[in-house]
Amino acid sequence: MNDMKKITAIIICIIFAAAALFAFTACDKKDNGENGPVNPPNNGNNADFPSAGTENDKDVGAERGKNILIVYFSCTGTTEKVAQKIVGHFGDDCSVFKINPAQPYTSADLAYTNDDCRANKEQNDPSARPAIANALTDIDKYETVFIGYPIWWGTCPKIINTFLDKYDLGGKTVVPFCTSGGSGISASVNTIKNLEPNATVLDGKKCNGNDTQNAITGWIDGLGL
């Protein structure tokens, strides 16, 4: 009888030990990411971004992307930071066109306290259309166009007018975005609407250059594109 009790006790111990080993193994797998990847796959959000002055700037639309185009003008790099984050959201599903002025802007050109500086003269001249050095081909293939710029004297720089005069965005969805330390985006959006009456121009977004990737992604997701 004592032998039977010993055998039963041994069997019970073996069963409990096996159950404990199974539970430990299951927990170990869960803690090490078995139920989800520890390093998620690259979703294309780390796409390379063309730098100023590269060959890509001449006709990026023919080399990258699908039906979304990001156009931007940036003198100091602040607006470019926002454009980078928009590209970071779309990855390879977009094309990029940086507006390069034929006559680059110098620090003196942007000295707003000087009434005679180039930027002030252009903004005060309704007919001013600064020349663009590079060209964009096959604009017709894009359905959505993001347009970014700094705010100069409450509205977009006149070189944006040059771009809008040159390219017909009729039938497209236009998404303005700007960088500004004070003025809002509404006046520049009205300018775009006036120059592109046949486009669907959204209200756009005012940024400051320090917006996080999540903030930009949240804004784009809310557009319903």
C-alpha atoms as a PDB file:
ATOM      1  CA  MET A   1       0.000   0.000   0.000  1.00  0.00           C
ATOM      2  CA  ASN A   2       2.854   2.319   0.899  1.00  0.00           C
ATOM      3  CA  ASP A   3       4.425   1.556  -2.494  1.00  0.00           C
ATOM      4  CA  MET A   4       1.207   2.552  -4.264  1.00  0.00           C
ATOM      5  CA  LYS A   5       1.125   5.873  -2.343  1.00  0.00           C
ATOM      6  CA  LYS A   6       4.747   6.563  -3.316  1.00  0.00           C
ATOM      7  CA  ILE A   7       4.026   5.805  -6.988  1.00  0.00           C
ATOM      8  CA  THR A   8       0.917   8.038  -6.925  1.00  0.00           C
ATOM      9  CA  ALA A   9       2.883  10.846  -5.281  1.00  0.00           C
ATOM     10  CA  ILE A  10       5.620  10.572  -7.900  1.00  0.00           C
ATOM     11  CA  ILE A  11       3.071  10.679 -10.750  1.00  0.00           C
ATOM     12  CA  ILE A  12       1.410  13.763  -9.246  1.00  0.00           C
ATOM     13  CA  CYS A  13       4.802  15.487  -8.889  1.00  0.00           C
ATOM     14  CA  ILE A  14       5.621  14.723 -12.537  1.00  0.00           C
ATOM     15  CA  ILE A  15       2.259  16.155 -13.687  1.00  0.00           C
ATOM     16  CA  PHE A  16       2.748  19.374 -11.680  1.00  0.00           C
ATOM     17  CA  ALA A  17       6.325  19.756 -12.943  1.00  0.00           C
ATOM     18  CA  ALA A  18       5.232  19.358 -16.570  1.00  0.00           C
ATOM     19  CA  ALA A  19       2.446  21.918 -16.099  1.00  0.00           C
ATOM     20  CA  ALA A  20       4.847  24.408 -14.522  1.00  0.00           C
ATOM     21  CA  LEU A  21       7.371  23.968 -17.348  1.00  0.00           C
ATOM     22  CA  PHE A  22       4.661  24.580 -19.978  1.00  0.00           C
ATOM     23  CA  ALA A  23       3.481  27.758 -18.234  1.00  0.00           C
ATOM     24  CA  PHE A  24       7.055  29.106 -17.957  1.00  0.00           C
ATOM     25  CA  THR A  25       7.733  28.426 -21.626  1.00  0.00           C
ATOM     26  CA  ALA A  26       4.523  30.173 -22.695  1.00  0.00           C
ATOM     27  CA  CYS A  27       5.325  33.276 -20.641  1.00  0.00           C
ATOM     28  CA  ASP A  28       8.882  33.381 -21.957  1.00  0.00           C
ATOM     29  CA  LYS A  29       7.627  33.374 -25.558  1.00  0.00           C
ATOM     30  CA  LYS A  30       5.151  36.182 -24.900  1.00  0.00           C
ATOM     31  CA  ASP A  31       7.731  38.398 -23.201  1.00  0.00           C
ATOM     32  CA  ASN A  32      10.090  38.051 -26.151  1.00  0.00           C
ATOM     33  CA  GLY A  33       7.609  39.325 -28.703  1.00  0.00           C
ATOM     34  CA  GLU A  34       6.195  36.035 -29.919  1.00  0.00           C
ATOM     35  CA  ASN A  35       2.771  37.634 -30.250  1.00  0.00           C
ATOM     36  CA  GLY A  36       4.102  40.551 -32.333  1.00  0.00           C
ATOM     37  CA  PRO A  37       7.326  41.594 -34.075  1.00  0.00           C
ATOM     38  CA  VAL A  38       9.922  43.204 -31.829  1.00  0.00           C
ATOM     39  CA  ASN A  39      11.294  45.135 -34.809  1.00  0.00           C
ATOM     40  CA  PRO A  40       8.379  46.046 -37.120  1.00  0.00           C
ATOM     41  CA  PRO A  41       9.088  45.849 -40.853  1.00  0.00           C
ATOM     42  CA  ASN A  42      10.103  48.967 -42.762  1.00  0.00           C
ATOM     43  CA  ASN A  43       6.902  50.507 -44.160  1.00  0.00           C
ATOM     44  CA  GLY A  44       8.622  52.924 -46.527  1.00  0.00           C
ATOM     45  CA  ASN A  45       8.520  55.891 -44.151  1.00  0.00           C
ATOM     46  CA  ASN A  46      12.297  56.199 -44.192  1.00  0.00           C
ATOM     47  CA  ALA A  47      12.408  57.219 -47.830  1.00  0.00           C
ATOM     48  CA  ASP A  48      15.379  59.299 -48.917  1.00  0.00           C
ATOM     49  CA  PHE A  49      14.634  62.982 -49.296  1.00  0.00           C
ATOM     50  CA  PRO A  50      16.250  64.940 -52.139  1.00  0.00           C
ATOM     51  CA  SER A  51      18.562  67.684 -50.950  1.00  0.00           C
ATOM     52  CA  ALA A  52      18.671  71.170 -52.422  1.00  0.00           C
ATOM     53  CA  GLY A  53      20.624  71.455 -55.657  1.00  0.00           C
ATOM     54  CA  THR A  54      20.520  67.767 -56.621  1.00  0.00           C
ATOM     55  CA  GLU A  55      19.566  66.529 -60.044  1.00  0.00           C
ATOM     56  CA  ASN A  56      16.377  65.119 -58.483  1.00  0.00           C
ATOM     57  CA  ASP A  57      15.080  68.646 -57.989  1.00  0.00           C
ATOM     58  CA  LYS A  58      14.928  69.174 -61.750  1.00  0.00           C
ATOM     59  CA  ASP A  59      12.219  66.600 -62.355  1.00  0.00           C
ATOM     60  CA  VAL A  60      11.569  64.427 -59.349  1.00  0.00           C
ATOM     61  CA  GLY A  61       8.058  63.637 -60.503  1.00  0.00           C
ATOM     62  CA  ALA A  62       9.362  61.571 -63.402  1.00  0.00           C
ATOM     63  CA  GLU A  63      11.580  59.499 -61.137  1.00  0.00           C
ATOM     64  CA  ARG A  64       9.560  58.832 -57.980  1.00  0.00           C
ATOM     65  CA  GLY A  65       6.088  58.307 -56.729  1.00  0.00           C
ATOM     66  CA  LYS A  66       2.507  57.750 -57.784  1.00  0.00           C
ATOM     67  CA  ASN A  67      -0.325  60.281 -57.749  1.00  0.00           C
ATOM     68  CA  ILE A  68       0.700  62.495 -54.796  1.00  0.00           C
ATOM     69  CA  LEU A  69       3.068  65.422 -55.271  1.00  0.00           C
ATOM     70  CA  ILE A  70       4.734  67.475 -52.524  1.00  0.00           C
ATOM     71  CA  VAL A  71       5.807  70.903 -53.762  1.00  0.00           C
ATOM     72  CA  TYR A  72       7.628  73.276 -51.439  1.00  0.00           C
ATOM     73  CA  PHE A  73       9.673  76.461 -51.298  1.00  0.00           C
ATOM     74  CA  SER A  74      12.111  76.929 -48.420  1.00  0.00           C
ATOM     75  CA  CYS A  75      14.832  79.545 -47.959  1.00  0.00           C
ATOM     76  CA  THR A  76      16.063  78.716 -44.456  1.00  0.00           C
ATOM     77  CA  GLY A  77      15.126  75.030 -44.230  1.00  0.00           C
ATOM     78  CA  THR A  78      12.163  75.416 -41.858  1.00  0.00           C
ATOM     79  CA  THR A  79       9.506  74.599 -44.441  1.00  0.00           C
ATOM     80  CA  GLU A  80      11.708  71.813 -45.787  1.00  0.00           C
ATOM     81  CA  LYS A  81      11.557  70.075 -42.376  1.00  0.00           C
ATOM     82  CA  VAL A  82       7.784  69.910 -42.639  1.00  0.00           C
ATOM     83  CA  ALA A  83       7.976  68.674 -46.231  1.00  0.00           C
ATOM     84  CA  GLN A  84      10.325  65.914 -45.078  1.00  0.00           C
ATOM     85  CA  LYS A  85       7.756  64.723 -42.557  1.00  0.00           C
ATOM     86  CA  ILE A  86       5.026  64.679 -45.200  1.00  0.00           C
ATOM     87  CA  VAL A  87       7.298  62.567 -47.372  1.00  0.00           C
ATOM     88  CA  GLY A  88       7.964  60.450 -44.280  1.00  0.00           C
ATOM     89  CA  HIS A  89       4.250  59.728 -44.087  1.00  0.00           C
ATOM     90  CA  PHE A  90       3.763  58.741 -47.740  1.00  0.00           C
ATOM     91  CA  GLY A  91       7.155  57.168 -48.405  1.00  0.00           C
ATOM     92  CA  ASP A  92       7.493  55.951 -51.993  1.00  0.00           C
ATOM     93  CA  ASP A  93       3.843  56.761 -52.700  1.00  0.00           C
ATOM     94  CA  CYS A  94       4.660  60.407 -53.406  1.00  0.00           C
ATOM     95  CA  SER A  95       6.867  62.591 -55.558  1.00  0.00           C
ATOM     96  CA  VAL A  96       8.755  65.706 -54.436  1.00  0.00           C
ATOM     97  CA  PHE A  97       9.437  68.977 -56.199  1.00  0.00           C
ATOM     98  CA  LYS A  98      11.479  71.668 -54.503  1.00  0.00           C
ATOM     99  CA  ILE A  99      10.971  75.134 -55.987  1.00  0.00           C
ATOM    100  CA  ASN A 100      14.430  76.540 -56.654  1.00  0.00           C
ATOM    101  CA  PRO A 101      14.513  80.287 -57.414  1.00  0.00           C
ATOM    102  CA  ALA A 102      16.520  81.240 -60.478  1.00  0.00           C
ATOM    103  CA  GLN A 103      18.074  83.946 -58.327  1.00  0.00           C
ATOM    104  CA  PRO A 104      18.661  82.448 -54.868  1.00  0.00           C
ATOM    105  CA  TYR A 105      17.644  84.552 -51.889  1.00  0.00           C
ATOM    106  CA  THR A 106      20.467  85.947 -49.767  1.00  0.00           C
ATOM    107  CA  SER A 107      20.306  87.047 -46.142  1.00  0.00           C
ATOM    108  CA  ALA A 108      20.120  90.656 -47.342  1.00  0.00           C
ATOM    109  CA  ASP A 109      17.181  89.741 -49.592  1.00  0.00           C
ATOM    110  CA  LEU A 110      15.298  88.489 -46.530  1.00  0.00           C
ATOM    111  CA  ALA A 111      16.109  91.397 -44.200  1.00  0.00           C
ATOM    112  CA  TYR A 112      12.496  92.351 -43.558  1.00  0.00           C
ATOM    113  CA  THR A 113      13.366  95.419 -41.465  1.00  0.00           C
ATOM    114  CA  ASN A 114      14.757  96.948 -44.654  1.00  0.00           C
ATOM    115  CA  ASP A 115      11.879  98.230 -46.775  1.00  0.00           C
ATOM    116  CA  ASP A 116      14.085  98.009 -49.859  1.00  0.00           C
ATOM    117  CA  CYS A 117      15.061  94.364 -49.451  1.00  0.00           C
ATOM    118  CA  ARG A 118      14.158  92.049 -52.300  1.00  0.00           C
ATOM    119  CA  ALA A 119      11.500  90.076 -50.427  1.00  0.00           C
ATOM    120  CA  ASN A 120       9.662  93.216 -49.340  1.00  0.00           C
ATOM    121  CA  LYS A 121       9.706  94.658 -52.841  1.00  0.00           C
ATOM    122  CA  GLU A 122       8.325  91.425 -54.306  1.00  0.00           C
ATOM    123  CA  GLN A 123       5.577  91.131 -51.708  1.00  0.00           C
ATOM    124  CA  ASN A 124       4.516  94.728 -52.292  1.00  0.00           C
ATOM    125  CA  ASP A 125       4.342  94.263 -56.069  1.00  0.00           C
ATOM    126  CA  PRO A 126       1.158  92.451 -57.207  1.00  0.00           C
ATOM    127  CA  SER A 127       2.764  91.627 -60.549  1.00  0.00           C
ATOM    128  CA  ALA A 128       5.996  90.180 -59.106  1.00  0.00           C
ATOM    129  CA  ARG A 129       6.697  86.662 -60.317  1.00  0.00           C
ATOM    130  CA  PRO A 130      10.238  85.539 -59.335  1.00  0.00           C
ATOM    131  CA  ALA A 131      11.604  83.045 -61.853  1.00  0.00           C
ATOM    132  CA  ILE A 132      11.906  79.351 -60.996  1.00  0.00           C
ATOM    133  CA  ALA A 133      15.120  77.597 -62.043  1.00  0.00           C
ATOM    134  CA  ASN A 134      13.776  74.045 -62.320  1.00  0.00           C
ATOM    135  CA  ALA A 135      10.802  72.534 -64.130  1.00  0.00           C
ATOM    136  CA  LEU A 136       8.204  69.905 -63.377  1.00  0.00           C
ATOM    137  CA  THR A 137       6.957  67.598 -66.120  1.00  0.00           C
ATOM    138  CA  ASP A 138       3.829  65.457 -66.334  1.00  0.00           C
ATOM    139  CA  ILE A 139       1.839  67.478 -63.776  1.00  0.00           C
ATOM    140  CA  ASP A 140      -1.354  65.872 -65.113  1.00  0.00           C
ATOM    141  CA  LYS A 141      -0.638  62.510 -63.475  1.00  0.00           C
ATOM    142  CA  TYR A 142      -0.963  63.871 -59.939  1.00  0.00           C
ATOM    143  CA  GLU A 143      -4.330  63.898 -58.197  1.00  0.00           C
ATOM    144  CA  THR A 144      -3.247  65.499 -54.916  1.00  0.00           C
ATOM    145  CA  VAL A 145      -0.699  68.303 -54.605  1.00  0.00           C
ATOM    146  CA  PHE A 146       0.690  69.502 -51.269  1.00  0.00           C
ATOM    147  CA  ILE A 147       2.138  73.028 -51.528  1.00  0.00           C
ATOM    148  CA  GLY A 148       4.407  74.321 -48.769  1.00  0.00           C
ATOM    149  CA  TYR A 149       5.979  77.731 -48.136  1.00  0.00           C
ATOM    150  CA  PRO A 150       6.924  80.213 -45.413  1.00  0.00           C
ATOM    151  CA  ILE A 151       4.560  83.091 -44.691  1.00  0.00           C
ATOM    152  CA  TRP A 152       5.915  86.447 -45.898  1.00  0.00           C
ATOM    153  CA  TRP A 153       3.958  89.481 -44.828  1.00  0.00           C
ATOM    154  CA  GLY A 154       0.834  87.474 -44.077  1.00  0.00           C
ATOM    155  CA  THR A 155       0.718  85.397 -47.256  1.00  0.00           C
ATOM    156  CA  CYS A 156       2.760  83.097 -49.496  1.00  0.00           C
ATOM    157  CA  PRO A 157       5.943  84.307 -51.234  1.00  0.00           C
ATOM    158  CA  LYS A 158       5.400  85.525 -54.774  1.00  0.00           C
ATOM    159  CA  ILE A 159       7.408  82.609 -56.143  1.00  0.00           C
ATOM    160  CA  ILE A 160       4.419  80.416 -55.210  1.00  0.00           C
ATOM    161  CA  ASN A 161       2.341  82.630 -57.515  1.00  0.00           C
ATOM    162  CA  THR A 162       4.912  81.919 -60.227  1.00  0.00           C
ATOM    163  CA  PHE A 163       4.441  78.175 -59.742  1.00  0.00           C
ATOM    164  CA  LEU A 164       0.646  78.439 -59.771  1.00  0.00           C
ATOM    165  CA  ASP A 165       0.690  80.629 -62.894  1.00  0.00           C
ATOM    166  CA  LYS A 166       2.851  78.074 -64.683  1.00  0.00           C
ATOM    167  CA  TYR A 167       1.076  74.853 -63.706  1.00  0.00           C
ATOM    168  CA  ASP A 168      -2.643  74.193 -64.022  1.00  0.00           C
ATOM    169  CA  LEU A 169      -3.918  72.347 -60.946  1.00  0.00           C
ATOM    170  CA  GLY A 170      -7.535  72.285 -62.124  1.00  0.00           C
ATOM    171  CA  GLY A 171      -9.367  69.128 -61.044  1.00  0.00           C
ATOM    172  CA  LYS A 172      -6.769  68.311 -58.384  1.00  0.00           C
ATOM    173  CA  THR A 173      -6.940  68.414 -54.595  1.00  0.00           C
ATOM    174  CA  VAL A 174      -4.500  71.047 -53.324  1.00  0.00           C
ATOM    175  CA  VAL A 175      -3.300  70.896 -49.720  1.00  0.00           C
ATOM    176  CA  PRO A 176      -1.440  74.025 -48.570  1.00  0.00           C
ATOM    177  CA  PHE A 177       0.960  73.948 -45.629  1.00  0.00           C
ATOM    178  CA  CYS A 178       3.010  76.819 -44.296  1.00  0.00           C
ATOM    179  CA  THR A 179       5.526  77.717 -41.615  1.00  0.00           C
ATOM    180  CA  SER A 180       5.000  80.883 -39.643  1.00  0.00           C
ATOM    181  CA  GLY A 181       5.917  82.353 -36.309  1.00  0.00           C
ATOM    182  CA  GLY A 182       2.831  84.531 -36.183  1.00  0.00           C
ATOM    183  CA  SER A 183       0.509  84.978 -39.156  1.00  0.00           C
ATOM    184  CA  GLY A 184      -2.009  82.300 -40.042  1.00  0.00           C
ATOM    185  CA  ILE A 185      -2.442  80.417 -43.304  1.00  0.00           C
ATOM    186  CA  SER A 186      -5.858  81.694 -44.428  1.00  0.00           C
ATOM    187  CA  ALA A 187      -4.665  84.636 -46.565  1.00  0.00           C
ATOM    188  CA  SER A 188      -2.264  82.421 -48.507  1.00  0.00           C
ATOM    189  CA  VAL A 189      -4.985  79.807 -49.007  1.00  0.00           C
ATOM    190  CA  ASN A 190      -7.206  82.498 -50.527  1.00  0.00           C
ATOM    191  CA  THR A 191      -4.359  83.423 -52.881  1.00  0.00           C
ATOM    192  CA  ILE A 192      -4.088  79.818 -54.016  1.00  0.00           C
ATOM    193  CA  LYS A 193      -7.856  79.562 -54.491  1.00  0.00           C
ATOM    194  CA  ASN A 194      -7.846  82.696 -56.629  1.00  0.00           C
ATOM    195  CA  LEU A 195      -5.011  81.425 -58.802  1.00  0.00           C
ATOM    196  CA  GLU A 196      -6.408  77.873 -59.066  1.00  0.00           C
ATOM    197  CA  PRO A 197     -10.198  78.363 -59.241  1.00  0.00           C
ATOM    198  CA  ASN A 198     -10.796  74.922 -60.734  1.00  0.00           C
ATOM    199  CA  ALA A 199      -8.918  73.038 -58.013  1.00  0.00           C
ATOM    200  CA  THR A 200     -10.279  71.792 -54.697  1.00  0.00           C
ATOM    201  CA  VAL A 201      -8.137  73.772 -52.248  1.00  0.00           C
ATOM    202  CA  LEU A 202      -8.265  72.564 -48.646  1.00  0.00           C
ATOM    203  CA  ASP A 203      -7.842  74.816 -45.601  1.00  0.00           C
ATOM    204  CA  GLY A 204      -4.282  73.596 -45.059  1.00  0.00           C
ATOM    205  CA  LYS A 205      -2.098  73.610 -41.974  1.00  0.00           C
ATOM    206  CA  LYS A 206       0.123  76.169 -40.290  1.00  0.00           C
ATOM    207  CA  CYS A 207       3.292  74.565 -38.920  1.00  0.00           C
ATOM    208  CA  ASN A 208       6.379  75.814 -37.121  1.00  0.00           C
ATOM    209  CA  GLY A 209       9.024  73.375 -38.350  1.00  0.00           C
ATOM    210  CA  ASN A 210       9.153  71.522 -35.035  1.00  0.00           C
ATOM    211  CA  ASP A 211       5.984  69.504 -35.542  1.00  0.00           C
ATOM    212  CA  THR A 212       6.516  65.819 -34.783  1.00  0.00           C
ATOM    213  CA  GLN A 213       6.084  63.068 -37.344  1.00  0.00           C
ATOM    214  CA  ASN A 214       3.027  61.856 -35.417  1.00  0.00           C
ATOM    215  CA  ALA A 215       1.460  65.330 -35.574  1.00  0.00           C
ATOM    216  CA  ILE A 216       1.968  65.543 -39.337  1.00  0.00           C
ATOM    217  CA  THR A 217       0.685  61.998 -39.850  1.00  0.00           C
ATOM    218  CA  GLY A 218      -2.388  62.736 -37.734  1.00  0.00           C
ATOM    219  CA  TRP A 219      -3.132  65.836 -39.785  1.00  0.00           C
ATOM    220  CA  ILE A 220      -2.797  63.984 -43.106  1.00  0.00           C
ATOM    221  CA  ASP A 221      -4.910  61.059 -41.888  1.00  0.00           C
ATOM    222  CA  GLY A 222      -7.642  63.531 -40.979  1.00  0.00           C
ATOM    223  CA  LEU A 223      -7.795  64.952 -44.503  1.00  0.00           C
ATOM    224  CA  GLY A 224      -9.620  61.940 -45.888  1.00  0.00           C
ATOM    225  CA  LEU A 225      -7.556  61.811 -49.050  1.00  0.00           C
END
